[in-house]
Amino acid sequence: MAKKTKSRHRAERSDAMDLPRGIFKGTPVEIARGLRRSTLRSGRTKGMLNLYVNRAGRPLSARDRRRLERAKVELRRAFGRAA
């Protein structure tokens, strides 16, 4: 049996894959609500919005980037933090 790599182990055990399909395609408010709901369930998905933006990189359109940046503001509000 082959030894599992750390990244493979993390991918298999990560709650990040438990995010609803298409969560980053909604409005900023919908994205924030969905991430908040997932975070409260698993406790480990707060960084998923940043990860998604960072992994998308240059192919992410300016329009989508603005929408996701607004979702970050909404997510802070959803958790009662200053925007």
Protein backbone atom coordinates (compact mmCIF):
# COMPACT_ATOMS: atom_id res chain seq x y z
CA MET A 1 0.00 0.00 0.00
CA ALA A 2 1.44 3.36 -1.02
CA LYS A 3 2.08 6.02 1.57
CA LYS A 4 -0.37 8.94 1.41
CA THR A 5 1.02 12.40 0.93
CA LYS A 6 0.14 15.21 3.34
CA SER A 7 -1.74 17.14 0.68
CA ARG A 8 -3.78 14.09 -0.31
CA HIS A 9 -4.58 13.41 3.35
CA ARG A 10 -5.70 17.03 3.84
CA ALA A 11 -7.84 16.94 0.71
CA GLU A 12 -9.58 13.79 1.90
CA ARG A 13 -10.15 15.07 5.44
CA SER A 14 -10.88 18.72 4.65
CA ASP A 15 -14.27 20.26 5.27
CA ALA A 16 -13.54 22.62 2.39
CA MET A 17 -15.01 20.07 0.04
CA ASP A 18 -18.25 20.23 2.03
CA LEU A 19 -19.09 23.65 0.64
CA PRO A 20 -22.26 23.76 -1.44
CA ARG A 21 -21.65 23.46 -5.17
CA GLY A 22 -21.62 26.84 -6.88
CA ILE A 23 -21.40 28.78 -3.61
CA PHE A 24 -19.09 31.39 -5.16
CA LYS A 25 -21.45 32.08 -8.07
CA GLY A 26 -24.18 33.84 -6.06
CA THR A 27 -24.57 37.40 -4.91
CA PRO A 28 -22.20 38.73 -2.22
CA VAL A 29 -24.90 38.28 0.42
CA GLU A 30 -25.63 34.69 -0.69
CA ILE A 31 -21.91 33.86 -0.67
CA ALA A 32 -21.52 35.30 2.84
CA ARG A 33 -24.57 33.45 4.18
CA GLY A 34 -23.47 30.16 2.66
CA LEU A 35 -19.93 30.47 4.00
CA ARG A 36 -21.18 31.48 7.43
CA ARG A 37 -23.51 28.48 7.53
CA SER A 38 -20.68 26.15 6.47
CA THR A 39 -18.27 27.72 8.96
CA LEU A 40 -20.67 27.27 11.84
CA ARG A 41 -21.15 23.62 10.86
CA SER A 42 -17.50 22.71 10.42
CA GLY A 43 -15.53 25.52 12.02
CA ARG A 44 -12.86 25.34 9.32
CA THR A 45 -14.07 27.14 6.21
CA LYS A 46 -13.54 30.82 7.03
CA GLY A 47 -10.55 31.09 4.70
CA MET A 48 -12.28 29.46 1.75
CA LEU A 49 -13.32 32.75 0.16
CA ASN A 50 -9.73 34.02 0.18
CA LEU A 51 -8.48 30.66 -1.05
CA TYR A 52 -10.98 30.71 -3.92
CA VAL A 53 -9.99 34.24 -4.95
CA ASN A 54 -6.27 33.48 -4.69
CA ARG A 55 -6.53 30.19 -6.60
CA ALA A 56 -8.64 31.71 -9.36
CA GLY A 57 -5.87 34.20 -10.07
CA ARG A 58 -5.75 36.15 -13.30
CA PRO A 59 -8.56 34.34 -15.12
CA LEU A 60 -11.01 35.76 -12.55
CA SER A 61 -12.78 38.66 -14.25
CA ALA A 62 -12.74 42.11 -12.67
CA ARG A 63 -16.50 41.85 -12.21
CA ASP A 64 -16.22 38.54 -10.35
CA ARG A 65 -13.32 39.81 -8.26
CA ARG A 66 -15.39 42.86 -7.17
CA ARG A 67 -18.34 40.60 -6.35
CA LEU A 68 -16.15 38.33 -4.23
CA GLU A 69 -14.53 41.30 -2.48
CA ARG A 70 -18.02 42.55 -1.59
CA ALA A 71 -18.77 39.06 -0.29
CA LYS A 72 -15.80 39.41 2.09
CA VAL A 73 -17.40 42.57 3.50
CA GLU A 74 -20.75 40.78 3.86
CA LEU A 75 -19.05 37.84 5.55
CA ARG A 76 -17.44 40.17 8.11
CA ARG A 77 -20.88 41.67 8.78
CA ALA A 78 -22.42 38.21 9.12
CA PHE A 79 -19.91 37.44 11.86
CA GLY A 80 -20.42 40.83 13.54
CA ARG A 81 -17.01 42.23 12.64
CA ALA A 82 -16.23 45.69 11.34
CA ALA A 83 -16.33 45.95 7.56
